[in-house]
Amino acid sequence: MTTALVLVVLAVVLAGPGPLWVARWRWLHQVPRSAVALWQAGAVAALVAVIGAGVVVLRQLPLVHGPGWWIVALLLLVFIGHVVARLVWFGLRELRRSGVRRRQHRELVDLVARAERHPAGGRERTHWVLAHDEPVAYCLPGLWHSRVVVSRGTVETLDADEFDAVLAHERAHLRARHDIVLDTFGALHRAFPVLIRSELPLSESRLLVEMIADDDAVRQVGRLPLARALTELAGTRTPSAALGAVPMVLERITRLGRLHPRRGLLSALTCLLAAGLVALPVVILAIGG
């Protein structure tokens, strides 16, 4: 039963106070792709710890003696069952709701926007232009019918390089299916009750996927056009069903001016840390099992 308690404590630490510490590691913004893996590894490790604790409790239940240990076992099983039920519920709900919202918004865009072709990556690609004067840029991911949407105000405000940077950013979201990354992570995150979980992993992951898309745009167009485009689009709104180019602009522009030329070592270390996090509850289970 001690192993189960250790695993539950580990899960609570990974879901709550642990992220407060990791969020101070500003160097993770240098390697956003690996950083997303690290945040997800923390959520997965917490879930593995909870399920592992459940396995231990069920295995040792016939050996439990005394009312005190029976109460501990019952409380552990209630907590574990609650977390697993929340994971299934929020997983199914998030994926369904996100898909419905994006499909409805995509149908609306098809009704009111005009499709235009634009050269990118050696070939022409389609984006949809809204007849709206406020600068807007976002994408609507989908398995077959994804959309990159901009407004007339965006086309008129940005110069050619800045516009290319915005389109590259949005298409990076579509290629990497960042919507699935965030929806899945959101379900893992919400599996734990509000009282013991931190909101930092989810908010950091949203920022990091924007930085991943920024890096893709920088490789295609350069830092300066992207930074100028983000400045021009700062303050504009993105529909809730979409992924946009403008969230958390200040942090992203600041980062563009501080990109380290050799980030491979940081990325490798972050990935090793992520693997270690996932392995930790497995090791505890193996040793105490």
Protein backbone atom coordinates (compact mmCIF):
# COMPACT_ATOMS: atom_id res chain seq x y z
CA MET A 1 0.00 0.00 0.00
CA THR A 2 2.99 2.27 0.57
CA THR A 3 3.82 2.11 -3.14
CA ALA A 4 0.29 3.22 -4.00
CA LEU A 5 0.56 6.18 -1.65
CA VAL A 6 3.92 7.19 -3.17
CA LEU A 7 2.45 7.01 -6.67
CA VAL A 8 -0.57 9.11 -5.71
CA VAL A 9 1.66 11.73 -4.08
CA LEU A 10 3.81 11.77 -7.21
CA ALA A 11 0.72 12.29 -9.37
CA VAL A 12 -0.49 15.16 -7.20
CA VAL A 13 2.94 16.83 -7.30
CA LEU A 14 3.13 16.48 -11.09
CA ALA A 15 -0.38 17.89 -11.51
CA GLY A 16 -0.07 20.76 -9.03
CA PRO A 17 3.12 22.22 -7.54
CA GLY A 18 5.50 20.64 -10.07
CA PRO A 19 4.40 22.88 -12.97
CA LEU A 20 4.99 25.99 -10.84
CA TRP A 21 8.67 25.06 -10.73
CA VAL A 22 8.99 24.03 -14.38
CA ALA A 23 7.31 27.26 -15.54
CA ARG A 24 10.35 29.16 -14.22
CA TRP A 25 12.60 27.45 -16.77
CA ARG A 26 12.47 30.21 -19.37
CA TRP A 27 15.05 28.37 -21.48
CA LEU A 28 12.27 25.96 -22.49
CA HIS A 29 11.06 28.69 -24.86
CA GLN A 30 14.26 28.16 -26.86
CA VAL A 31 13.15 24.59 -27.66
CA PRO A 32 9.34 24.75 -27.84
CA ARG A 33 8.83 21.41 -29.57
CA SER A 34 10.77 19.54 -26.88
CA ALA A 35 9.15 21.70 -24.21
CA VAL A 36 5.67 20.59 -25.33
CA ALA A 37 6.87 17.00 -25.03
CA LEU A 38 8.08 17.75 -21.48
CA TRP A 39 4.77 19.28 -20.38
CA GLN A 40 2.88 16.37 -21.90
CA ALA A 41 5.26 13.91 -20.27
CA GLY A 42 4.39 15.41 -16.89
CA ALA A 43 0.68 14.88 -17.51
CA VAL A 44 1.21 11.35 -18.83
CA ALA A 45 3.48 10.49 -15.88
CA ALA A 46 0.82 11.73 -13.44
CA LEU A 47 -1.80 9.59 -15.15
CA VAL A 48 0.50 6.53 -15.21
CA ALA A 49 1.16 7.06 -11.50
CA VAL A 50 -2.57 7.16 -10.73
CA ILE A 51 -3.34 4.05 -12.78
CA GLY A 52 -0.31 2.28 -11.28
CA ALA A 53 -1.54 3.14 -7.81
CA GLY A 54 -4.90 1.63 -8.70
CA VAL A 55 -3.25 -1.58 -9.85
CA VAL A 56 -1.27 -1.80 -6.60
CA VAL A 57 -4.33 -1.20 -4.43
CA LEU A 58 -6.43 -3.80 -6.24
CA ARG A 59 -3.59 -6.32 -6.08
CA GLN A 60 -3.06 -5.81 -2.35
CA LEU A 61 -6.70 -5.43 -1.36
CA PRO A 62 -7.04 -9.07 -0.17
CA LEU A 63 -4.04 -8.49 2.13
CA VAL A 64 -5.41 -5.35 3.79
CA HIS A 65 -6.11 -5.70 7.51
CA GLY A 66 -7.50 -3.18 9.94
CA PRO A 67 -10.14 -0.48 9.45
CA GLY A 68 -7.51 2.26 9.01
CA TRP A 69 -5.92 0.63 5.96
CA TRP A 70 -9.33 -0.19 4.53
CA ILE A 71 -10.26 3.49 4.69
CA VAL A 72 -6.96 4.43 2.99
CA ALA A 73 -7.55 1.84 0.26
CA LEU A 74 -11.13 3.03 -0.29
CA LEU A 75 -10.07 6.68 -0.52
CA LEU A 76 -7.31 5.82 -3.00
CA LEU A 77 -9.71 3.83 -5.18
CA VAL A 78 -12.26 6.67 -5.15
CA PHE A 79 -9.60 9.21 -6.16
CA ILE A 80 -8.18 6.96 -8.88
CA GLY A 81 -11.63 6.13 -10.27
CA HIS A 82 -12.50 9.84 -10.28
CA VAL A 83 -9.37 10.73 -12.27
CA VAL A 84 -9.88 7.95 -14.82
CA ALA A 85 -13.56 8.83 -15.27
CA ARG A 86 -12.68 12.50 -15.79
CA LEU A 87 -10.04 11.53 -18.37
CA VAL A 88 -12.54 9.52 -20.44
CA TRP A 89 -15.28 12.15 -20.09
CA PHE A 90 -13.16 15.18 -20.95
CA GLY A 91 -11.28 13.31 -23.69
CA LEU A 92 -14.45 12.43 -25.54
CA ARG A 93 -16.08 15.81 -24.85
CA GLU A 94 -13.10 17.95 -25.92
CA LEU A 95 -12.52 16.09 -29.17
CA ARG A 96 -16.21 16.17 -30.07
CA ARG A 97 -16.80 19.82 -29.13
CA SER A 98 -13.67 21.03 -30.89
CA GLY A 99 -14.55 19.13 -34.05
CA VAL A 100 -18.12 20.48 -34.10
CA ARG A 101 -17.03 24.09 -33.49
CA ARG A 102 -14.39 23.98 -36.22
CA ARG A 103 -16.73 22.36 -38.72
CA GLN A 104 -19.42 24.97 -38.09
CA HIS A 105 -16.94 27.83 -38.35
CA ARG A 106 -15.47 26.32 -41.53
CA GLU A 107 -18.92 26.18 -43.11
CA LEU A 108 -19.46 29.83 -42.20
CA VAL A 109 -16.09 30.82 -43.70
CA ASP A 110 -16.97 29.01 -46.92
CA LEU A 111 -20.16 31.06 -47.14
CA VAL A 112 -18.76 34.54 -46.50
CA ALA A 113 -15.07 34.39 -47.51
CA ARG A 114 -13.37 34.44 -50.91
CA ALA A 115 -10.77 31.79 -51.78
CA GLU A 116 -7.50 33.16 -53.16
CA ARG A 117 -4.30 31.52 -54.36
CA HIS A 118 -0.88 32.54 -53.08
CA PRO A 119 2.59 31.15 -53.95
CA ALA A 120 4.26 29.36 -51.05
CA GLY A 121 6.98 26.73 -50.89
CA GLY A 122 7.33 26.53 -54.66
CA ARG A 123 3.63 26.04 -55.34
CA GLU A 124 0.37 27.91 -54.98
CA ARG A 125 -1.76 27.42 -51.89
CA THR A 126 -5.27 28.59 -51.09
CA HIS A 127 -6.31 30.88 -48.28
CA TRP A 128 -9.70 32.45 -47.54
CA VAL A 129 -10.18 36.24 -47.33
CA LEU A 130 -12.92 37.79 -45.20
CA ALA A 131 -14.35 41.16 -46.25
CA HIS A 132 -13.42 42.73 -42.94
CA ASP A 133 -11.28 45.80 -42.30
CA GLU A 134 -9.83 44.68 -38.95
CA PRO A 135 -6.60 42.63 -39.38
CA VAL A 136 -7.37 38.98 -38.59
CA ALA A 137 -5.42 35.78 -39.27
CA TYR A 138 -6.15 32.26 -38.07
CA CYS A 139 -6.50 28.67 -39.24
CA LEU A 140 -9.22 26.05 -38.89
CA PRO A 141 -7.59 22.60 -38.72
CA GLY A 142 -9.34 19.59 -40.14
CA LEU A 143 -8.56 16.14 -41.44
CA TRP A 144 -9.63 16.92 -45.01
CA HIS A 145 -10.89 20.50 -45.10
CA SER A 146 -8.51 22.77 -43.23
CA ARG A 147 -8.62 26.52 -43.83
CA VAL A 148 -6.20 29.43 -43.48
CA VAL A 149 -8.32 32.55 -43.00
CA VAL A 150 -7.25 36.19 -43.22
CA SER A 151 -9.20 39.41 -43.46
CA ARG A 152 -9.04 42.13 -46.08
CA GLY A 153 -7.51 44.31 -43.38
CA THR A 154 -4.64 41.84 -42.99
CA VAL A 155 -3.94 41.81 -46.73
CA GLU A 156 -3.95 45.62 -46.86
CA THR A 157 -1.93 46.16 -43.66
CA LEU A 158 0.95 43.72 -44.14
CA ASP A 159 3.63 43.90 -46.80
CA ALA A 160 4.49 40.83 -48.91
CA ASP A 161 7.09 39.33 -46.55
CA GLU A 162 4.94 39.90 -43.48
CA PHE A 163 1.94 38.31 -45.18
CA ASP A 164 4.07 35.32 -46.19
CA ALA A 165 5.22 34.97 -42.57
CA VAL A 166 1.63 34.91 -41.30
CA LEU A 167 0.59 32.31 -43.86
CA ALA A 168 3.64 30.18 -43.04
CA HIS A 169 2.78 30.37 -39.35
CA GLU A 170 -0.80 29.24 -39.91
CA ARG A 171 0.16 26.42 -42.25
CA ALA A 172 2.66 25.18 -39.68
CA HIS A 173 -0.26 24.78 -37.26
CA LEU A 174 -2.16 22.78 -39.86
CA ARG A 175 0.75 20.49 -40.78
CA ALA A 176 1.58 19.68 -37.16
CA ARG A 177 -2.11 19.32 -36.17
CA HIS A 178 -1.56 21.47 -33.11
CA ASP A 179 -5.29 21.32 -32.50
CA ILE A 180 -5.00 17.61 -31.68
CA VAL A 181 -1.95 18.27 -29.52
CA LEU A 182 -3.85 20.85 -27.46
CA ASP A 183 -7.13 18.93 -27.31
CA THR A 184 -5.40 15.74 -26.14
CA PHE A 185 -3.30 17.63 -23.63
CA GLY A 186 -6.38 19.47 -22.39
CA ALA A 187 -8.09 16.14 -21.69
CA LEU A 188 -5.04 14.82 -19.81
CA HIS A 189 -4.83 18.06 -17.87
CA ARG A 190 -8.51 18.14 -16.89
CA ALA A 191 -8.42 14.54 -15.68
CA PHE A 192 -7.23 15.87 -12.33
CA PRO A 193 -9.63 17.83 -10.10
CA VAL A 194 -9.35 21.62 -10.10
CA LEU A 195 -8.20 21.75 -6.48
CA ILE A 196 -4.97 19.84 -7.13
CA ARG A 197 -4.02 20.82 -10.67
CA SER A 198 -2.18 23.83 -12.05
CA GLU A 199 -3.36 25.66 -15.15
CA LEU A 200 0.25 26.39 -16.17
CA PRO A 201 0.83 23.26 -18.30
CA LEU A 202 -2.13 24.07 -20.55
CA SER A 203 -1.34 27.78 -20.90
CA GLU A 204 2.35 27.07 -21.53
CA SER A 205 1.50 24.48 -24.17
CA ARG A 206 -0.69 26.99 -26.00
CA LEU A 207 2.19 29.45 -26.02
CA LEU A 208 4.71 26.80 -27.08
CA VAL A 209 2.72 25.64 -30.12
CA GLU A 210 2.64 29.27 -31.26
CA MET A 211 6.42 29.38 -30.88
CA ILE A 212 6.76 26.16 -32.89
CA ALA A 213 4.77 27.74 -35.71
CA ASP A 214 6.87 30.90 -35.35
CA ASP A 215 10.05 28.86 -35.86
CA ASP A 216 8.63 27.37 -39.04
CA ALA A 217 7.77 30.86 -40.34
CA VAL A 218 11.27 32.11 -39.44
CA ARG A 219 12.86 29.29 -41.45
CA GLN A 220 10.79 30.27 -44.49
CA VAL A 221 10.71 34.08 -44.28
CA GLY A 222 13.02 35.27 -41.49
CA ARG A 223 12.65 36.79 -38.04
CA LEU A 224 12.08 40.43 -38.94
CA PRO A 225 9.03 39.99 -41.22
CA LEU A 226 7.39 37.71 -38.65
CA ALA A 227 8.10 40.13 -35.78
CA ARG A 228 6.67 43.04 -37.79
CA ALA A 229 3.59 40.99 -38.71
CA LEU A 230 2.99 39.99 -35.10
CA THR A 231 3.28 43.63 -34.06
CA GLU A 232 0.72 44.68 -36.69
CA LEU A 233 -1.69 41.94 -35.67
CA ALA A 234 -1.27 42.41 -31.90
CA GLY A 235 -4.57 42.92 -30.13
CA THR A 236 -6.73 41.28 -32.79
CA ARG A 237 -9.04 38.46 -31.80
CA THR A 238 -9.03 34.81 -32.82
CA PRO A 239 -12.24 32.71 -32.86
CA SER A 240 -12.42 30.12 -30.08
CA ALA A 241 -12.54 27.27 -32.60
CA ALA A 242 -9.36 28.40 -34.37
CA LEU A 243 -5.61 28.61 -33.94
CA GLY A 244 -4.31 32.12 -34.59
CA ALA A 245 -1.07 33.98 -35.11
CA VAL A 246 -1.59 36.61 -32.43
CA PRO A 247 -1.87 35.06 -28.93
CA MET A 248 0.82 36.12 -26.41
CA VAL A 249 2.59 38.38 -28.90
CA LEU A 250 4.97 40.13 -26.50
CA GLU A 251 6.61 36.91 -25.26
CA ARG A 252 6.99 35.63 -28.80
CA ILE A 253 8.50 38.82 -30.24
CA THR A 254 10.93 39.00 -27.31
CA ARG A 255 11.93 35.40 -27.94
CA LEU A 256 12.56 36.05 -31.65
CA GLY A 257 15.28 38.51 -30.66
CA ARG A 258 16.94 36.00 -28.32
CA LEU A 259 17.02 32.77 -30.31
CA HIS A 260 20.16 30.82 -29.51
CA PRO A 261 21.95 29.53 -32.63
CA ARG A 262 22.71 26.15 -31.04
CA ARG A 263 19.67 24.77 -29.37
CA GLY A 264 20.26 21.10 -30.12
CA LEU A 265 21.76 20.28 -26.71
CA LEU A 266 18.90 21.96 -24.85
CA SER A 267 16.40 20.06 -26.97
CA ALA A 268 18.14 16.72 -26.29
CA LEU A 269 18.28 17.38 -22.54
CA THR A 270 14.61 18.37 -22.47
CA CYS A 271 13.62 15.18 -24.30
CA LEU A 272 15.69 13.09 -21.86
CA LEU A 273 13.95 14.79 -18.96
CA ALA A 274 10.56 14.09 -20.54
CA ALA A 275 11.46 10.41 -20.96
CA GLY A 276 12.65 10.27 -17.36
CA LEU A 277 9.39 11.74 -16.11
CA VAL A 278 7.32 9.08 -17.88
CA ALA A 279 9.67 6.34 -16.67
CA LEU A 280 9.61 7.48 -13.02
CA PRO A 281 6.21 6.05 -12.01
CA VAL A 282 7.00 2.86 -13.93
CA VAL A 283 10.25 2.45 -11.97
CA ILE A 284 8.48 3.11 -8.67
CA LEU A 285 5.84 0.54 -9.58
CA ALA A 286 8.50 -2.01 -10.57
CA ILE A 287 10.50 -1.52 -7.37
CA GLY A 288 7.54 -1.52 -5.03
CA GLY A 289 5.38 -3.95 -6.95
